[in-house]
Amino acid sequence: MQPIVDTSLWLAHKRRALANPAAGADFLMRRAAEELADRLGAVERKFDRAAVLFCQTPAAVDVLATSGKVADIVRVEADAAFLGDG
């Protein structure tokens, strides 16, 4: 079966965006992190571990860390370069 997404091209575009950041380009991730914070605020339980997958910014990690509801956060990115300052 032929792949639907060219992952090499996708990753090249993400690396290029990281190398040439544009102010406000992370608006969707920031909005998603705000939504995560709202939803997590309604949850009473605590979690031993949470995974943050392919976010490219630290926004989701920051929300989880400041919530006090997650003991350990694992961040997974397609390229180690995305683990920097975001």
PDB file of N, CA and C in Angstrom:
ATOM      1  N   MET A   1       0.842  -1.169   0.000  1.00  0.00           N
ATOM      2  CA  MET A   1       0.000   0.000   0.000  1.00  0.00           C
ATOM      3  C   MET A   1       0.895   1.242   0.000  1.00  0.00           C
ATOM      4  N   GLN A   2       0.511   2.225  -0.768  1.00  0.00           N
ATOM      5  CA  GLN A   2       1.288   3.463  -0.858  1.00  0.00           C
ATOM      6  C   GLN A   2       0.928   4.385   0.311  1.00  0.00           C
ATOM      7  N   PRO A   3       1.934   4.969   0.943  1.00  0.00           N
ATOM      8  CA  PRO A   3       1.653   5.860   2.077  1.00  0.00           C
ATOM      9  C   PRO A   3       0.846   7.084   1.646  1.00  0.00           C
ATOM     10  N   ILE A   4       0.003   7.539   2.543  1.00  0.00           N
ATOM     11  CA  ILE A   4      -0.809   8.731   2.291  1.00  0.00           C
ATOM     12  C   ILE A   4       0.012   9.992   2.541  1.00  0.00           C
ATOM     13  N   VAL A   5       0.871   9.940   3.541  1.00  0.00           N
ATOM     14  CA  VAL A   5       1.677  11.097   3.926  1.00  0.00           C
ATOM     15  C   VAL A   5       3.155  10.787   3.682  1.00  0.00           C
ATOM     16  N   ASP A   6       3.834  11.709   3.048  1.00  0.00           N
ATOM     17  CA  ASP A   6       5.281  11.591   2.853  1.00  0.00           C
ATOM     18  C   ASP A   6       5.944  12.082   4.138  1.00  0.00           C
ATOM     19  N   THR A   7       6.311  11.154   5.010  1.00  0.00           N
ATOM     20  CA  THR A   7       6.838  11.545   6.317  1.00  0.00           C
ATOM     21  C   THR A   7       8.166  12.280   6.228  1.00  0.00           C
ATOM     22  N   SER A   8       8.971  11.959   5.241  1.00  0.00           N
ATOM     23  CA  SER A   8      10.241  12.675   5.073  1.00  0.00           C
ATOM     24  C   SER A   8       9.988  14.135   4.725  1.00  0.00           C
ATOM     25  N   LEU A   9       9.042  14.373   3.846  1.00  0.00           N
ATOM     26  CA  LEU A   9       8.698  15.744   3.461  1.00  0.00           C
ATOM     27  C   LEU A   9       8.058  16.483   4.630  1.00  0.00           C
ATOM     28  N   TRP A  10       7.179  15.798   5.351  1.00  0.00           N
ATOM     29  CA  TRP A  10       6.524  16.390   6.516  1.00  0.00           C
ATOM     30  C   TRP A  10       7.568  16.835   7.541  1.00  0.00           C
ATOM     31  N   LEU A  11       8.532  15.963   7.810  1.00  0.00           N
ATOM     32  CA  LEU A  11       9.569  16.285   8.778  1.00  0.00           C
ATOM     33  C   LEU A  11      10.469  17.409   8.275  1.00  0.00           C
ATOM     34  N   ALA A  12      10.754  17.437   6.986  1.00  0.00           N
ATOM     35  CA  ALA A  12      11.559  18.522   6.410  1.00  0.00           C
ATOM     36  C   ALA A  12      10.856  19.861   6.579  1.00  0.00           C
ATOM     37  N   HIS A  13       9.544  19.895   6.381  1.00  0.00           N
ATOM     38  CA  HIS A  13       8.779  21.136   6.565  1.00  0.00           C
ATOM     39  C   HIS A  13       8.816  21.583   8.026  1.00  0.00           C
ATOM     40  N   LYS A  14       8.687  20.635   8.943  1.00  0.00           N
ATOM     41  CA  LYS A  14       8.727  20.966  10.371  1.00  0.00           C
ATOM     42  C   LYS A  14      10.102  21.491  10.780  1.00  0.00           C
ATOM     43  N   ARG A  15      11.155  20.879  10.253  1.00  0.00           N
ATOM     44  CA  ARG A  15      12.515  21.359  10.558  1.00  0.00           C
ATOM     45  C   ARG A  15      12.737  22.761   9.995  1.00  0.00           C
ATOM     46  N   ARG A  16      12.234  23.015   8.798  1.00  0.00           N
ATOM     47  CA  ARG A  16      12.374  24.339   8.193  1.00  0.00           C
ATOM     48  C   ARG A  16      11.632  25.382   9.031  1.00  0.00           C
ATOM     49  N   ALA A  17      10.445  25.048   9.486  1.00  0.00           N
ATOM     50  CA  ALA A  17       9.679  25.971  10.324  1.00  0.00           C
ATOM     51  C   ALA A  17      10.413  26.250  11.633  1.00  0.00           C
ATOM     52  N   LEU A  18      11.048  25.237  12.196  1.00  0.00           N
ATOM     53  CA  LEU A  18      11.808  25.422  13.430  1.00  0.00           C
ATOM     54  C   LEU A  18      13.007  26.338  13.205  1.00  0.00           C
ATOM     55  N   ALA A  19      13.648  26.201  12.052  1.00  0.00           N
ATOM     56  CA  ALA A  19      14.827  27.010  11.732  1.00  0.00           C
ATOM     57  C   ALA A  19      14.471  28.461  11.421  1.00  0.00           C
ATOM     58  N   ASN A  20      13.241  28.698  10.962  1.00  0.00           N
ATOM     59  CA  ASN A  20      12.789  30.044  10.589  1.00  0.00           C
ATOM     60  C   ASN A  20      11.475  30.362  11.300  1.00  0.00           C
ATOM     61  N   PRO A  21      11.513  30.554  12.609  1.00  0.00           N
ATOM     62  CA  PRO A  21      10.264  30.747  13.349  1.00  0.00           C
ATOM     63  C   PRO A  21       9.553  32.046  12.972  1.00  0.00           C
ATOM     64  N   ALA A  22       8.241  31.971  12.941  1.00  0.00           N
ATOM     65  CA  ALA A  22       7.402  33.141  12.679  1.00  0.00           C
ATOM     66  C   ALA A  22       6.576  33.408  13.934  1.00  0.00           C
ATOM     67  N   ALA A  23       6.561  34.647  14.359  1.00  0.00           N
ATOM     68  CA  ALA A  23       5.808  35.014  15.556  1.00  0.00           C
ATOM     69  C   ALA A  23       4.346  34.607  15.407  1.00  0.00           C
ATOM     70  N   GLY A  24       3.835  33.924  16.411  1.00  0.00           N
ATOM     71  CA  GLY A  24       2.429  33.532  16.412  1.00  0.00           C
ATOM     72  C   GLY A  24       2.107  32.263  15.649  1.00  0.00           C
ATOM     73  N   ALA A  25       3.101  31.636  15.039  1.00  0.00           N
ATOM     74  CA  ALA A  25       2.843  30.429  14.245  1.00  0.00           C
ATOM     75  C   ALA A  25       2.376  29.262  15.116  1.00  0.00           C
ATOM     76  N   ASP A  26       2.613  29.347  16.398  1.00  0.00           N
ATOM     77  CA  ASP A  26       2.209  28.268  17.305  1.00  0.00           C
ATOM     78  C   ASP A  26       0.826  28.498  17.910  1.00  0.00           C
ATOM     79  N   PHE A  27       0.013  29.352  17.281  1.00  0.00           N
ATOM     80  CA  PHE A  27      -1.277  29.722  17.863  1.00  0.00           C
ATOM     81  C   PHE A  27      -2.200  28.516  18.066  1.00  0.00           C
ATOM     82  N   LEU A  28      -2.186  27.553  17.161  1.00  0.00           N
ATOM     83  CA  LEU A  28      -3.054  26.385  17.331  1.00  0.00           C
ATOM     84  C   LEU A  28      -2.602  25.522  18.504  1.00  0.00           C
ATOM     85  N   MET A  29      -1.305  25.366  18.666  1.00  0.00           N
ATOM     86  CA  MET A  29      -0.815  24.577  19.797  1.00  0.00           C
ATOM     87  C   MET A  29      -1.103  25.297  21.109  1.00  0.00           C
ATOM     88  N   ARG A  30      -0.955  26.613  21.129  1.00  0.00           N
ATOM     89  CA  ARG A  30      -1.281  27.363  22.342  1.00  0.00           C
ATOM     90  C   ARG A  30      -2.764  27.217  22.672  1.00  0.00           C
ATOM     91  N   ARG A  31      -3.610  27.265  21.656  1.00  0.00           N
ATOM     92  CA  ARG A  31      -5.059  27.114  21.867  1.00  0.00           C
ATOM     93  C   ARG A  31      -5.385  25.710  22.380  1.00  0.00           C
ATOM     94  N   ALA A  32      -4.732  24.701  21.797  1.00  0.00           N
ATOM     95  CA  ALA A  32      -4.945  23.322  22.254  1.00  0.00           C
ATOM     96  C   ALA A  32      -4.494  23.160  23.706  1.00  0.00           C
ATOM     97  N   ALA A  33      -3.399  23.814  24.074  1.00  0.00           N
ATOM     98  CA  ALA A  33      -2.915  23.748  25.456  1.00  0.00           C
ATOM     99  C   ALA A  33      -3.901  24.424  26.407  1.00  0.00           C
ATOM    100  N   GLU A  34      -4.493  25.534  25.979  1.00  0.00           N
ATOM    101  CA  GLU A  34      -5.521  26.194  26.791  1.00  0.00           C
ATOM    102  C   GLU A  34      -6.710  25.263  27.007  1.00  0.00           C
ATOM    103  N   GLU A  35      -7.115  24.586  25.953  1.00  0.00           N
ATOM    104  CA  GLU A  35      -8.228  23.637  26.046  1.00  0.00           C
ATOM    105  C   GLU A  35      -7.869  22.478  26.982  1.00  0.00           C
ATOM    106  N   LEU A  36      -6.636  21.989  26.877  1.00  0.00           N
ATOM    107  CA  LEU A  36      -6.167  20.925  27.769  1.00  0.00           C
ATOM    108  C   LEU A  36      -6.235  21.386  29.222  1.00  0.00           C
ATOM    109  N   ALA A  37      -5.808  22.605  29.478  1.00  0.00           N
ATOM    110  CA  ALA A  37      -5.845  23.141  30.843  1.00  0.00           C
ATOM    111  C   ALA A  37      -7.278  23.214  31.361  1.00  0.00           C
ATOM    112  N   ASP A  38      -8.198  23.671  30.516  1.00  0.00           N
ATOM    113  CA  ASP A  38      -9.609  23.746  30.921  1.00  0.00           C
ATOM    114  C   ASP A  38     -10.162  22.367  31.259  1.00  0.00           C
ATOM    115  N   ARG A  39      -9.897  21.413  30.389  1.00  0.00           N
ATOM    116  CA  ARG A  39     -10.427  20.060  30.598  1.00  0.00           C
ATOM    117  C   ARG A  39      -9.773  19.379  31.795  1.00  0.00           C
ATOM    118  N   LEU A  40      -8.484  19.573  31.951  1.00  0.00           N
ATOM    119  CA  LEU A  40      -7.782  18.965  33.076  1.00  0.00           C
ATOM    120  C   LEU A  40      -8.229  19.582  34.399  1.00  0.00           C
ATOM    121  N   GLY A  41      -8.634  20.844  34.351  1.00  0.00           N
ATOM    122  CA  GLY A  41      -9.120  21.508  35.549  1.00  0.00           C
ATOM    123  C   GLY A  41     -10.372  20.866  36.121  1.00  0.00           C
ATOM    124  N   ALA A  42     -11.155  20.225  35.271  1.00  0.00           N
ATOM    125  CA  ALA A  42     -12.389  19.574  35.709  1.00  0.00           C
ATOM    126  C   ALA A  42     -12.159  18.151  36.212  1.00  0.00           C
ATOM    127  N   VAL A  43     -10.949  17.656  36.073  1.00  0.00           N
ATOM    128  CA  VAL A  43     -10.629  16.281  36.459  1.00  0.00           C
ATOM    129  C   VAL A  43     -10.031  16.284  37.861  1.00  0.00           C
ATOM    130  N   GLU A  44     -10.548  15.423  38.717  1.00  0.00           N
ATOM    131  CA  GLU A  44     -10.075  15.364  40.103  1.00  0.00           C
ATOM    132  C   GLU A  44      -8.922  14.388  40.310  1.00  0.00           C
ATOM    133  N   ARG A  45      -8.779  13.413  39.441  1.00  0.00           N
ATOM    134  CA  ARG A  45      -7.764  12.382  39.676  1.00  0.00           C
ATOM    135  C   ARG A  45      -6.365  12.856  39.315  1.00  0.00           C
ATOM    136  N   LYS A  46      -5.393  12.131  39.811  1.00  0.00           N
ATOM    137  CA  LYS A  46      -3.988  12.392  39.491  1.00  0.00           C
ATOM    138  C   LYS A  46      -3.479  11.238  38.637  1.00  0.00           C
ATOM    139  N   PHE A  47      -2.507  11.526  37.792  1.00  0.00           N
ATOM    140  CA  PHE A  47      -1.982  10.547  36.857  1.00  0.00           C
ATOM    141  C   PHE A  47      -0.509  10.291  37.145  1.00  0.00           C
ATOM    142  N   ASP A  48      -0.120   9.031  37.072  1.00  0.00           N
ATOM    143  CA  ASP A  48       1.285   8.678  37.278  1.00  0.00           C
ATOM    144  C   ASP A  48       2.144   9.156  36.119  1.00  0.00           C
ATOM    145  N   ARG A  49       1.616   9.041  34.904  1.00  0.00           N
ATOM    146  CA  ARG A  49       2.409   9.380  33.718  1.00  0.00           C
ATOM    147  C   ARG A  49       1.492   9.904  32.618  1.00  0.00           C
ATOM    148  N   ALA A  50       2.018  10.868  31.865  1.00  0.00           N
ATOM    149  CA  ALA A  50       1.316  11.389  30.687  1.00  0.00           C
ATOM    150  C   ALA A  50       2.315  11.480  29.545  1.00  0.00           C
ATOM    151  N   ALA A  51       1.840  11.266  28.342  1.00  0.00           N
ATOM    152  CA  ALA A  51       2.685  11.383  27.150  1.00  0.00           C
ATOM    153  C   ALA A  51       2.220  12.570  26.325  1.00  0.00           C
ATOM    154  N   VAL A  52       3.159  13.368  25.897  1.00  0.00           N
ATOM    155  CA  VAL A  52       2.895  14.501  25.011  1.00  0.00           C
ATOM    156  C   VAL A  52       3.529  14.131  23.677  1.00  0.00           C
ATOM    157  N   LEU A  53       2.694  13.951  22.661  1.00  0.00           N
ATOM    158  CA  LEU A  53       3.154  13.400  21.388  1.00  0.00           C
ATOM    159  C   LEU A  53       3.171  14.429  20.267  1.00  0.00           C
ATOM    160  N   PHE A  54       4.342  14.645  19.687  1.00  0.00           N
ATOM    161  CA  PHE A  54       4.530  15.441  18.471  1.00  0.00           C
ATOM    162  C   PHE A  54       3.917  16.842  18.548  1.00  0.00           C
ATOM    163  N   CYS A  55       4.114  17.533  19.643  1.00  0.00           N
ATOM    164  CA  CYS A  55       3.557  18.883  19.812  1.00  0.00           C
ATOM    165  C   CYS A  55       4.476  19.980  19.286  1.00  0.00           C
ATOM    166  N   GLN A  56       5.751  19.727  19.235  1.00  0.00           N
ATOM    167  CA  GLN A  56       6.767  20.655  18.740  1.00  0.00           C
ATOM    168  C   GLN A  56       6.969  21.904  19.578  1.00  0.00           C
ATOM    169  N   THR A  57       6.136  22.124  20.564  1.00  0.00           N
ATOM    170  CA  THR A  57       6.320  23.238  21.488  1.00  0.00           C
ATOM    171  C   THR A  57       6.154  22.688  22.906  1.00  0.00           C
ATOM    172  N   PRO A  58       6.634  23.401  23.898  1.00  0.00           N
ATOM    173  CA  PRO A  58       6.478  22.932  25.277  1.00  0.00           C
ATOM    174  C   PRO A  58       5.117  23.266  25.889  1.00  0.00           C
ATOM    175  N   ALA A  59       4.184  23.799  25.128  1.00  0.00           N
ATOM    176  CA  ALA A  59       2.905  24.276  25.664  1.00  0.00           C
ATOM    177  C   ALA A  59       2.143  23.206  26.440  1.00  0.00           C
ATOM    178  N   ALA A  60       1.979  22.032  25.872  1.00  0.00           N
ATOM    179  CA  ALA A  60       1.227  20.970  26.551  1.00  0.00           C
ATOM    180  C   ALA A  60       1.968  20.474  27.789  1.00  0.00           C
ATOM    181  N   VAL A  61       3.281  20.353  27.688  1.00  0.00           N
ATOM    182  CA  VAL A  61       4.084  19.930  28.839  1.00  0.00           C
ATOM    183  C   VAL A  61       3.932  20.944  29.966  1.00  0.00           C
ATOM    184  N   ASP A  62       3.972  22.218  29.633  1.00  0.00           N
ATOM    185  CA  ASP A  62       3.831  23.267  30.641  1.00  0.00           C
ATOM    186  C   ASP A  62       2.487  23.169  31.360  1.00  0.00           C
ATOM    187  N   VAL A  63       1.423  22.939  30.603  1.00  0.00           N
ATOM    188  CA  VAL A  63       0.089  22.814  31.200  1.00  0.00           C
ATOM    189  C   VAL A  63       0.037  21.624  32.151  1.00  0.00           C
ATOM    190  N   LEU A  64       0.540  20.487  31.696  1.00  0.00           N
ATOM    191  CA  LEU A  64       0.520  19.290  32.542  1.00  0.00           C
ATOM    192  C   LEU A  64       1.356  19.484  33.798  1.00  0.00           C
ATOM    193  N   ALA A  65       2.522  20.093  33.646  1.00  0.00           N
ATOM    194  CA  ALA A  65       3.420  20.296  34.788  1.00  0.00           C
ATOM    195  C   ALA A  65       2.818  21.245  35.816  1.00  0.00           C
ATOM    196  N   THR A  66       2.218  22.326  35.358  1.00  0.00           N
ATOM    197  CA  THR A  66       1.660  23.304  36.299  1.00  0.00           C
ATOM    198  C   THR A  66       0.346  22.840  36.916  1.00  0.00           C
ATOM    199  N   SER A  67      -0.299  21.854  36.318  1.00  0.00           N
ATOM    200  CA  SER A  67      -1.571  21.368  36.863  1.00  0.00           C
ATOM    201  C   SER A  67      -1.379  20.644  38.191  1.00  0.00           C
ATOM    202  N   GLY A  68      -0.194  20.066  38.388  1.00  0.00           N
ATOM    203  CA  GLY A  68       0.045  19.290  39.591  1.00  0.00           C
ATOM    204  C   GLY A  68      -0.661  17.943  39.589  1.00  0.00           C
ATOM    205  N   LYS A  69      -1.233  17.564  38.459  1.00  0.00           N
ATOM    206  CA  LYS A  69      -2.001  16.318  38.380  1.00  0.00           C
ATOM    207  C   LYS A  69      -1.246  15.180  37.705  1.00  0.00           C
ATOM    208  N   VAL A  70      -0.039  15.461  37.221  1.00  0.00           N
ATOM    209  CA  VAL A  70       0.743  14.438  36.524  1.00  0.00           C
ATOM    210  C   VAL A  70       2.117  14.332  37.179  1.00  0.00           C
ATOM    211  N   ALA A  71       2.469  13.123  37.598  1.00  0.00           N
ATOM    212  CA  ALA A  71       3.753  12.915  38.269  1.00  0.00           C
ATOM    213  C   ALA A  71       4.923  12.899  37.292  1.00  0.00           C
ATOM    214  N   ASP A  72       4.743  12.271  36.139  1.00  0.00           N
ATOM    215  CA  ASP A  72       5.833  12.113  35.176  1.00  0.00           C
ATOM    216  C   ASP A  72       5.302  12.407  33.777  1.00  0.00           C
ATOM    217  N   ILE A  73       6.007  13.255  33.043  1.00  0.00           N
ATOM    218  CA  ILE A  73       5.590  13.628  31.688  1.00  0.00           C
ATOM    219  C   ILE A  73       6.652  13.167  30.708  1.00  0.00           C
ATOM    220  N   VAL A  74       6.231  12.410  29.712  1.00  0.00           N
ATOM    221  CA  VAL A  74       7.124  11.924  28.663  1.00  0.00           C
ATOM    222  C   VAL A  74       6.781  12.684  27.389  1.00  0.00           C
ATOM    223  N   ARG A  75       7.779  13.339  26.823  1.00  0.00           N
ATOM    224  CA  ARG A  75       7.563  14.097  25.584  1.00  0.00           C
ATOM    225  C   ARG A  75       8.208  13.350  24.421  1.00  0.00           C
ATOM    226  N   VAL A  76       7.432  13.084  23.385  1.00  0.00           N
ATOM    227  CA  VAL A  76       7.906  12.357  22.208  1.00  0.00           C
ATOM    228  C   VAL A  76       7.804  13.275  21.000  1.00  0.00           C
ATOM    229  N   GLU A  77       8.908  13.432  20.278  1.00  0.00           N
ATOM    230  CA  GLU A  77       8.941  14.253  19.069  1.00  0.00           C
ATOM    231  C   GLU A  77       9.554  13.456  17.922  1.00  0.00           C
ATOM    232  N   ALA A  78       9.276  13.862  16.713  1.00  0.00           N
ATOM    233  CA  ALA A  78       9.805  13.189  15.524  1.00  0.00           C
ATOM    234  C   ALA A  78      11.291  13.461  15.334  1.00  0.00           C
ATOM    235  N   ASP A  79      11.780  14.533  15.942  1.00  0.00           N
ATOM    236  CA  ASP A  79      13.182  14.924  15.814  1.00  0.00           C
ATOM    237  C   ASP A  79      13.604  15.534  17.147  1.00  0.00           C
ATOM    238  N   ALA A  80      14.779  15.197  17.618  1.00  0.00           N
ATOM    239  CA  ALA A  80      15.267  15.723  18.898  1.00  0.00           C
ATOM    240  C   ALA A  80      15.346  17.243  18.908  1.00  0.00           C
ATOM    241  N   ALA A  81      15.480  17.867  17.748  1.00  0.00           N
ATOM    242  CA  ALA A  81      15.548  19.332  17.669  1.00  0.00           C
ATOM    243  C   ALA A  81      14.282  19.981  18.223  1.00  0.00           C
ATOM    244  N   PHE A  82      13.152  19.294  18.139  1.00  0.00           N
ATOM    245  CA  PHE A  82      11.892  19.851  18.631  1.00  0.00           C
ATOM    246  C   PHE A  82      11.801  19.832  20.150  1.00  0.00           C
ATOM    247  N   LEU A  83      12.724  19.167  20.806  1.00  0.00           N
ATOM    248  CA  LEU A  83      12.722  19.114  22.259  1.00  0.00           C
ATOM    249  C   LEU A  83      13.374  20.340  22.884  1.00  0.00           C
ATOM    250  N   GLY A  84      13.877  21.255  22.062  1.00  0.00           N
ATOM    251  CA  GLY A  84      14.507  22.483  22.554  1.00  0.00           C
ATOM    252  C   GLY A  84      13.487  23.399  23.186  1.00  0.00           C
ATOM    253  N   ASP A  85      13.708  24.673  23.076  1.00  0.00           N
ATOM    254  CA  ASP A  85      12.834  25.666  23.706  1.00  0.00           C
ATOM    255  C   ASP A  85      11.486  25.789  23.022  1.00  0.00           C
ATOM    256  N   GLY A  86      11.280  25.131  21.919  1.00  0.00           N
ATOM    257  CA  GLY A  86       9.990  25.182  21.247  1.00  0.00           C
ATOM    258  C   GLY A  86       9.972  26.257  20.255  1.00  0.00           C
TER     259      GLY A  86
END
